[in-house]
N, C-alpha and C. Protein backbone atom coordinates (compact mmCIF):
# COMPACT_ATOMS: atom_id res chain seq x y z
N UNK A 1 -73.17 5.32 4.12
CA UNK A 1 -73.78 5.25 5.42
C UNK A 1 -73.38 6.47 6.23
N UNK A 2 -74.28 6.98 7.00
CA UNK A 2 -74.04 8.25 7.68
C UNK A 2 -72.91 8.19 8.69
N UNK A 3 -72.60 7.02 9.26
CA UNK A 3 -71.52 6.93 10.24
C UNK A 3 -70.16 7.20 9.62
N UNK A 4 -70.03 7.14 8.31
CA UNK A 4 -68.76 7.38 7.64
C UNK A 4 -68.44 8.86 7.52
N UNK A 5 -69.42 9.69 7.48
CA UNK A 5 -69.19 11.10 7.16
C UNK A 5 -68.20 11.79 8.08
N UNK A 6 -68.29 11.64 9.40
CA UNK A 6 -67.28 12.31 10.23
C UNK A 6 -65.86 11.86 9.91
N UNK A 7 -65.65 10.57 9.61
CA UNK A 7 -64.31 10.10 9.27
C UNK A 7 -63.87 10.68 7.93
N UNK A 8 -64.77 10.72 6.96
CA UNK A 8 -64.42 11.33 5.67
C UNK A 8 -64.12 12.81 5.82
N UNK A 9 -64.85 13.48 6.68
CA UNK A 9 -64.56 14.90 6.92
C UNK A 9 -63.19 15.07 7.57
N UNK A 10 -62.80 14.12 8.42
CA UNK A 10 -61.46 14.15 9.01
C UNK A 10 -60.40 13.91 7.93
N UNK A 11 -60.69 13.01 7.00
CA UNK A 11 -59.76 12.76 5.89
C UNK A 11 -59.60 14.02 5.04
N UNK A 12 -60.71 14.67 4.72
CA UNK A 12 -60.65 15.91 3.94
C UNK A 12 -59.80 16.95 4.66
N UNK A 13 -60.03 17.10 5.96
CA UNK A 13 -59.28 18.10 6.74
C UNK A 13 -57.79 17.78 6.79
N UNK A 14 -57.44 16.50 6.77
CA UNK A 14 -56.04 16.10 6.86
C UNK A 14 -55.36 16.04 5.49
N UNK A 15 -56.13 16.09 4.42
CA UNK A 15 -55.58 15.98 3.07
C UNK A 15 -54.69 17.17 2.74
N UNK A 16 -53.85 16.99 1.76
CA UNK A 16 -52.99 18.07 1.29
C UNK A 16 -53.85 19.29 0.96
N UNK A 17 -53.41 20.48 1.36
CA UNK A 17 -54.19 21.69 1.09
C UNK A 17 -54.53 21.90 -0.39
N UNK A 18 -53.71 21.37 -1.29
CA UNK A 18 -53.99 21.51 -2.72
C UNK A 18 -55.23 20.71 -3.15
N UNK A 19 -55.63 19.73 -2.35
CA UNK A 19 -56.80 18.92 -2.68
C UNK A 19 -58.08 19.49 -2.10
N UNK A 20 -57.98 20.31 -1.10
CA UNK A 20 -59.18 20.80 -0.42
C UNK A 20 -60.16 21.56 -1.30
N UNK A 21 -59.70 22.30 -2.32
CA UNK A 21 -60.68 22.96 -3.20
C UNK A 21 -61.58 21.98 -3.94
N UNK A 22 -61.17 20.73 -4.02
CA UNK A 22 -61.96 19.70 -4.72
C UNK A 22 -62.86 18.90 -3.77
N UNK A 23 -62.83 19.25 -2.50
CA UNK A 23 -63.62 18.52 -1.51
C UNK A 23 -65.11 18.84 -1.68
N UNK A 24 -65.92 17.81 -1.57
CA UNK A 24 -67.37 18.01 -1.60
C UNK A 24 -67.80 18.67 -0.30
N UNK A 25 -68.81 19.51 -0.39
CA UNK A 25 -69.35 20.14 0.82
C UNK A 25 -69.89 19.09 1.78
N UNK A 26 -70.52 18.07 1.21
CA UNK A 26 -71.04 16.95 2.01
C UNK A 26 -70.63 15.66 1.31
N UNK A 27 -69.71 14.90 1.90
CA UNK A 27 -69.30 13.65 1.26
C UNK A 27 -70.48 12.72 1.02
N UNK A 28 -70.42 12.02 -0.11
CA UNK A 28 -71.45 11.02 -0.41
C UNK A 28 -71.23 9.81 0.49
N UNK A 29 -72.26 9.00 0.63
CA UNK A 29 -72.11 7.77 1.42
C UNK A 29 -71.71 6.62 0.51
N UNK A 30 -71.25 5.56 1.12
CA UNK A 30 -70.77 4.37 0.42
C UNK A 30 -71.59 3.17 0.86
N UNK A 31 -71.70 2.18 0.00
CA UNK A 31 -72.42 0.96 0.35
C UNK A 31 -71.63 0.08 1.30
N UNK A 32 -70.33 0.26 1.35
CA UNK A 32 -69.47 -0.57 2.19
C UNK A 32 -69.45 -0.02 3.62
N UNK A 33 -69.70 -0.88 4.57
CA UNK A 33 -69.65 -0.49 5.98
C UNK A 33 -68.20 -0.47 6.43
N UNK A 34 -67.68 0.70 6.70
CA UNK A 34 -66.28 0.87 7.11
C UNK A 34 -66.12 1.04 8.61
N UNK A 35 -67.13 0.67 9.36
CA UNK A 35 -67.09 0.84 10.80
C UNK A 35 -66.01 -0.05 11.41
N UNK A 36 -65.11 0.56 12.13
CA UNK A 36 -64.06 -0.15 12.85
C UNK A 36 -63.97 0.40 14.27
N UNK A 37 -63.68 -0.46 15.24
CA UNK A 37 -63.58 0.03 16.62
C UNK A 37 -62.36 0.91 16.87
N UNK A 38 -61.29 0.71 16.11
CA UNK A 38 -60.06 1.48 16.30
C UNK A 38 -60.12 2.74 15.43
N UNK A 39 -60.09 3.94 16.04
CA UNK A 39 -60.24 5.17 15.24
C UNK A 39 -59.10 5.41 14.25
N UNK A 40 -57.89 4.98 14.56
CA UNK A 40 -56.79 5.15 13.61
C UNK A 40 -56.99 4.25 12.39
N UNK A 41 -57.42 3.02 12.63
CA UNK A 41 -57.71 2.12 11.52
C UNK A 41 -58.91 2.62 10.71
N UNK A 42 -59.90 3.18 11.38
CA UNK A 42 -61.08 3.71 10.68
C UNK A 42 -60.68 4.87 9.77
N UNK A 43 -59.85 5.79 10.28
CA UNK A 43 -59.36 6.90 9.47
C UNK A 43 -58.58 6.37 8.26
N UNK A 44 -57.67 5.44 8.53
CA UNK A 44 -56.84 4.89 7.46
C UNK A 44 -57.69 4.20 6.41
N UNK A 45 -58.66 3.41 6.85
CA UNK A 45 -59.51 2.71 5.90
C UNK A 45 -60.31 3.70 5.06
N UNK A 46 -60.82 4.77 5.67
CA UNK A 46 -61.57 5.78 4.92
C UNK A 46 -60.67 6.49 3.91
N UNK A 47 -59.44 6.82 4.30
CA UNK A 47 -58.51 7.48 3.38
C UNK A 47 -58.13 6.55 2.23
N UNK A 48 -57.88 5.29 2.54
CA UNK A 48 -57.52 4.33 1.50
C UNK A 48 -58.72 4.07 0.59
N UNK A 49 -59.92 4.01 1.15
CA UNK A 49 -61.12 3.81 0.32
C UNK A 49 -61.28 4.98 -0.65
N UNK A 50 -61.10 6.20 -0.17
CA UNK A 50 -61.22 7.37 -1.05
C UNK A 50 -60.12 7.34 -2.11
N UNK A 51 -58.90 6.95 -1.72
CA UNK A 51 -57.82 6.82 -2.70
C UNK A 51 -58.16 5.79 -3.77
N UNK A 52 -58.70 4.66 -3.34
CA UNK A 52 -59.12 3.62 -4.28
C UNK A 52 -60.20 4.16 -5.23
N UNK A 53 -61.19 4.84 -4.69
CA UNK A 53 -62.27 5.37 -5.52
C UNK A 53 -61.78 6.45 -6.48
N UNK A 54 -60.78 7.21 -6.08
CA UNK A 54 -60.19 8.18 -7.01
C UNK A 54 -59.50 7.46 -8.17
N UNK A 55 -58.92 6.32 -7.91
CA UNK A 55 -58.26 5.53 -8.96
C UNK A 55 -59.25 4.74 -9.81
N UNK A 56 -60.27 4.17 -9.17
CA UNK A 56 -61.07 3.15 -9.85
C UNK A 56 -62.58 3.37 -9.79
N UNK A 57 -63.05 4.48 -9.32
CA UNK A 57 -64.50 4.61 -9.19
C UNK A 57 -64.94 6.05 -9.08
N UNK A 58 -65.96 6.25 -8.31
CA UNK A 58 -66.53 7.58 -8.08
C UNK A 58 -66.23 7.97 -6.64
N UNK A 59 -65.34 8.95 -6.42
CA UNK A 59 -64.97 9.33 -5.07
C UNK A 59 -66.17 9.82 -4.25
N UNK A 60 -66.04 9.66 -2.94
CA UNK A 60 -67.09 10.08 -2.02
C UNK A 60 -66.86 11.51 -1.54
N UNK A 61 -65.61 11.89 -1.36
CA UNK A 61 -65.30 13.16 -0.69
C UNK A 61 -64.72 14.23 -1.61
N UNK A 62 -64.31 13.87 -2.81
CA UNK A 62 -63.68 14.82 -3.72
C UNK A 62 -64.35 14.75 -5.08
N UNK A 63 -64.29 15.86 -5.82
CA UNK A 63 -64.88 15.92 -7.15
C UNK A 63 -64.17 16.97 -7.99
N UNK A 64 -64.39 16.92 -9.31
CA UNK A 64 -63.92 17.96 -10.21
C UNK A 64 -62.45 17.88 -10.61
N UNK A 65 -61.81 16.76 -10.38
CA UNK A 65 -60.39 16.62 -10.74
C UNK A 65 -60.27 15.99 -12.12
N UNK A 66 -59.21 16.40 -12.86
CA UNK A 66 -58.93 15.70 -14.12
C UNK A 66 -58.29 14.35 -13.79
N UNK A 67 -58.13 13.51 -14.79
CA UNK A 67 -57.64 12.14 -14.58
C UNK A 67 -56.26 12.10 -13.91
N UNK A 68 -55.36 12.98 -14.33
CA UNK A 68 -54.01 12.98 -13.75
C UNK A 68 -54.05 13.36 -12.27
N UNK A 69 -54.82 14.39 -11.93
CA UNK A 69 -54.92 14.81 -10.54
C UNK A 69 -55.61 13.74 -9.70
N UNK A 70 -56.61 13.07 -10.27
CA UNK A 70 -57.28 11.98 -9.53
C UNK A 70 -56.28 10.89 -9.16
N UNK A 71 -55.42 10.53 -10.09
CA UNK A 71 -54.42 9.50 -9.82
C UNK A 71 -53.47 9.94 -8.71
N UNK A 72 -52.98 11.15 -8.81
CA UNK A 72 -52.07 11.67 -7.79
C UNK A 72 -52.77 11.82 -6.44
N UNK A 73 -54.00 12.30 -6.46
CA UNK A 73 -54.75 12.46 -5.21
C UNK A 73 -55.01 11.10 -4.56
N UNK A 74 -55.33 10.11 -5.38
CA UNK A 74 -55.52 8.76 -4.84
C UNK A 74 -54.27 8.25 -4.15
N UNK A 75 -53.12 8.44 -4.78
CA UNK A 75 -51.85 8.03 -4.17
C UNK A 75 -51.60 8.79 -2.87
N UNK A 76 -51.90 10.09 -2.87
CA UNK A 76 -51.70 10.90 -1.67
C UNK A 76 -52.59 10.42 -0.53
N UNK A 77 -53.81 10.02 -0.85
CA UNK A 77 -54.71 9.54 0.21
C UNK A 77 -54.31 8.16 0.70
N UNK A 78 -53.80 7.30 -0.17
CA UNK A 78 -53.23 6.03 0.29
C UNK A 78 -52.13 6.32 1.32
N UNK A 79 -51.22 7.23 0.97
CA UNK A 79 -50.10 7.55 1.85
C UNK A 79 -50.58 8.19 3.16
N UNK A 80 -51.55 9.09 3.07
CA UNK A 80 -52.10 9.73 4.27
C UNK A 80 -52.66 8.69 5.23
N UNK A 81 -53.43 7.77 4.70
CA UNK A 81 -54.02 6.75 5.55
C UNK A 81 -52.97 5.83 6.16
N UNK A 82 -52.06 5.34 5.34
CA UNK A 82 -51.04 4.42 5.84
C UNK A 82 -50.12 5.09 6.85
N UNK A 83 -49.88 6.38 6.67
CA UNK A 83 -49.05 7.10 7.64
C UNK A 83 -49.65 7.04 9.04
N UNK A 84 -50.97 7.15 9.13
CA UNK A 84 -51.64 7.16 10.44
C UNK A 84 -51.34 5.87 11.21
N UNK A 85 -51.46 4.72 10.56
CA UNK A 85 -51.20 3.46 11.28
C UNK A 85 -49.70 3.19 11.41
N UNK A 86 -48.90 3.70 10.48
CA UNK A 86 -47.45 3.51 10.57
C UNK A 86 -46.89 4.24 11.79
N UNK A 87 -47.35 5.45 12.02
CA UNK A 87 -46.89 6.22 13.18
C UNK A 87 -47.22 5.50 14.47
N UNK A 88 -48.32 4.77 14.48
CA UNK A 88 -48.75 4.03 15.67
C UNK A 88 -48.06 2.66 15.78
N UNK A 89 -47.28 2.29 14.74
CA UNK A 89 -46.59 1.01 14.76
C UNK A 89 -47.51 -0.17 14.52
N UNK A 90 -48.64 0.06 13.86
CA UNK A 90 -49.63 -0.99 13.61
C UNK A 90 -49.25 -1.77 12.35
N UNK A 91 -48.28 -2.66 12.50
CA UNK A 91 -47.76 -3.41 11.36
C UNK A 91 -48.81 -4.34 10.75
N UNK A 92 -49.69 -4.87 11.57
CA UNK A 92 -50.76 -5.74 11.06
C UNK A 92 -51.66 -4.97 10.09
N UNK A 93 -52.04 -3.75 10.47
CA UNK A 93 -52.89 -2.93 9.59
C UNK A 93 -52.14 -2.54 8.32
N UNK A 94 -50.87 -2.20 8.45
CA UNK A 94 -50.09 -1.84 7.26
C UNK A 94 -50.03 -3.00 6.28
N UNK A 95 -49.78 -4.19 6.78
CA UNK A 95 -49.71 -5.37 5.91
C UNK A 95 -51.05 -5.64 5.25
N UNK A 96 -52.12 -5.55 6.02
CA UNK A 96 -53.45 -5.83 5.48
C UNK A 96 -53.84 -4.79 4.42
N UNK A 97 -53.57 -3.53 4.69
CA UNK A 97 -53.93 -2.48 3.73
C UNK A 97 -53.04 -2.52 2.50
N UNK A 98 -51.80 -2.92 2.65
CA UNK A 98 -50.92 -3.10 1.49
C UNK A 98 -51.46 -4.21 0.60
N UNK A 99 -51.91 -5.31 1.23
CA UNK A 99 -52.54 -6.39 0.45
C UNK A 99 -53.78 -5.88 -0.27
N UNK A 100 -54.60 -5.13 0.44
CA UNK A 100 -55.82 -4.58 -0.15
C UNK A 100 -55.51 -3.74 -1.38
N UNK A 101 -54.61 -2.79 -1.25
CA UNK A 101 -54.28 -1.90 -2.36
C UNK A 101 -53.71 -2.70 -3.53
N UNK A 102 -52.80 -3.61 -3.25
CA UNK A 102 -52.19 -4.42 -4.32
C UNK A 102 -53.20 -5.32 -5.01
N UNK A 103 -54.05 -5.99 -4.23
CA UNK A 103 -55.03 -6.90 -4.81
C UNK A 103 -56.08 -6.16 -5.62
N UNK A 104 -56.49 -4.99 -5.17
CA UNK A 104 -57.45 -4.20 -5.95
C UNK A 104 -56.84 -3.75 -7.27
N UNK A 105 -55.58 -3.29 -7.24
CA UNK A 105 -54.91 -2.89 -8.48
C UNK A 105 -54.78 -4.09 -9.41
N UNK A 106 -54.38 -5.25 -8.86
CA UNK A 106 -54.29 -6.47 -9.67
C UNK A 106 -55.63 -6.81 -10.30
N UNK A 107 -56.70 -6.79 -9.49
CA UNK A 107 -58.03 -7.16 -9.97
C UNK A 107 -58.46 -6.28 -11.13
N UNK A 108 -58.24 -4.98 -11.02
CA UNK A 108 -58.63 -4.08 -12.11
C UNK A 108 -57.76 -4.29 -13.35
N UNK A 109 -56.47 -4.50 -13.15
CA UNK A 109 -55.57 -4.71 -14.29
C UNK A 109 -55.89 -6.01 -15.03
N UNK A 110 -56.36 -7.01 -14.30
CA UNK A 110 -56.66 -8.32 -14.89
C UNK A 110 -58.11 -8.48 -15.30
N UNK A 111 -58.90 -7.41 -15.20
CA UNK A 111 -60.31 -7.51 -15.55
C UNK A 111 -61.10 -8.35 -14.57
N UNK A 112 -60.68 -8.36 -13.31
CA UNK A 112 -61.33 -9.16 -12.27
C UNK A 112 -61.95 -8.26 -11.20
N UNK A 113 -62.53 -7.15 -11.62
CA UNK A 113 -63.16 -6.23 -10.67
C UNK A 113 -64.24 -6.92 -9.85
N UNK A 114 -64.73 -8.07 -10.30
CA UNK A 114 -65.76 -8.80 -9.56
C UNK A 114 -65.29 -9.25 -8.18
N UNK A 115 -63.97 -9.40 -7.98
CA UNK A 115 -63.47 -9.85 -6.67
C UNK A 115 -63.24 -8.70 -5.70
N UNK A 116 -63.27 -7.47 -6.19
CA UNK A 116 -62.94 -6.31 -5.36
C UNK A 116 -63.87 -6.16 -4.15
N UNK A 117 -65.19 -6.27 -4.29
CA UNK A 117 -66.03 -6.13 -3.09
C UNK A 117 -65.68 -7.13 -1.98
N UNK A 118 -65.36 -8.35 -2.36
CA UNK A 118 -64.96 -9.35 -1.37
C UNK A 118 -63.65 -9.01 -0.70
N UNK A 119 -62.72 -8.45 -1.48
CA UNK A 119 -61.43 -8.03 -0.93
C UNK A 119 -61.65 -6.94 0.12
N UNK A 120 -62.50 -5.96 -0.21
CA UNK A 120 -62.79 -4.89 0.75
C UNK A 120 -63.46 -5.43 2.01
N UNK A 121 -64.47 -6.28 1.84
CA UNK A 121 -65.17 -6.83 3.00
C UNK A 121 -64.24 -7.65 3.87
N UNK A 122 -63.37 -8.43 3.26
CA UNK A 122 -62.42 -9.25 4.02
C UNK A 122 -61.41 -8.37 4.75
N UNK A 123 -61.03 -7.26 4.15
CA UNK A 123 -60.11 -6.33 4.81
C UNK A 123 -60.76 -5.70 6.02
N UNK A 124 -62.00 -5.24 5.87
CA UNK A 124 -62.72 -4.65 7.01
C UNK A 124 -62.82 -5.67 8.14
N UNK A 125 -63.15 -6.91 7.80
CA UNK A 125 -63.25 -7.95 8.82
C UNK A 125 -61.90 -8.17 9.51
N UNK A 126 -60.83 -8.23 8.74
CA UNK A 126 -59.51 -8.44 9.32
C UNK A 126 -59.11 -7.29 10.24
N UNK A 127 -59.37 -6.07 9.80
CA UNK A 127 -59.00 -4.91 10.62
C UNK A 127 -59.87 -4.80 11.88
N UNK A 128 -61.01 -5.47 11.87
CA UNK A 128 -61.88 -5.53 13.05
C UNK A 128 -61.54 -6.72 13.93
N UNK A 129 -60.67 -7.59 13.44
CA UNK A 129 -60.32 -8.79 14.18
C UNK A 129 -61.27 -9.94 13.93
N UNK A 130 -62.05 -9.86 12.86
CA UNK A 130 -63.09 -10.87 12.58
C UNK A 130 -62.91 -11.63 11.29
N UNK A 131 -61.72 -11.65 10.70
CA UNK A 131 -61.61 -12.33 9.41
C UNK A 131 -60.19 -12.56 8.97
N UNK A 132 -60.10 -13.23 7.82
CA UNK A 132 -58.81 -13.65 7.30
C UNK A 132 -58.05 -12.64 6.47
N UNK A 133 -58.69 -11.57 6.07
CA UNK A 133 -57.98 -10.55 5.33
C UNK A 133 -58.19 -10.58 3.83
N UNK A 134 -57.63 -9.58 3.16
CA UNK A 134 -57.83 -9.36 1.73
C UNK A 134 -57.46 -10.56 0.89
N UNK A 135 -56.33 -11.18 1.20
CA UNK A 135 -55.87 -12.29 0.36
C UNK A 135 -56.79 -13.50 0.45
N UNK A 136 -57.57 -13.62 1.52
CA UNK A 136 -58.50 -14.74 1.64
C UNK A 136 -59.70 -14.60 0.72
N UNK A 137 -59.90 -13.42 0.13
CA UNK A 137 -61.05 -13.17 -0.73
C UNK A 137 -60.80 -13.52 -2.19
N UNK A 138 -59.55 -13.82 -2.54
CA UNK A 138 -59.23 -14.12 -3.93
C UNK A 138 -59.37 -15.62 -4.15
N UNK A 139 -60.30 -16.02 -5.01
CA UNK A 139 -60.45 -17.45 -5.28
C UNK A 139 -59.25 -17.97 -6.08
N UNK A 140 -58.78 -19.11 -5.68
CA UNK A 140 -57.63 -19.71 -6.39
C UNK A 140 -58.08 -20.54 -7.55
């Protein structure tokens, strides 16, 4: 969605300089609506989403990396995003995003990628103040 591009461009600009040569000239759009009213949470969510996609999918903002660099870049973007909310003392966002990252890794490791879209949607809702969070998306 076009509303994501400025946030992704901010993520690219804030990324480690070693990653910038791999940045797309125009980030691709995503099917997931990452719109959040809080700009720090929006930046963090975009950085974590790109980190997730570097680990488990097709990145929106970066391309041309080998598998090892993709893994490291994904970790760096997780850290970049979480740092933004940590500096602001947003413990609720840190907890929610930690659940998101952990549950997505669990889902892929267990062959349960089918639950990942719900985890992402529930996280966006929680960070907007409209939902129960990532852990509420995992069926028991």
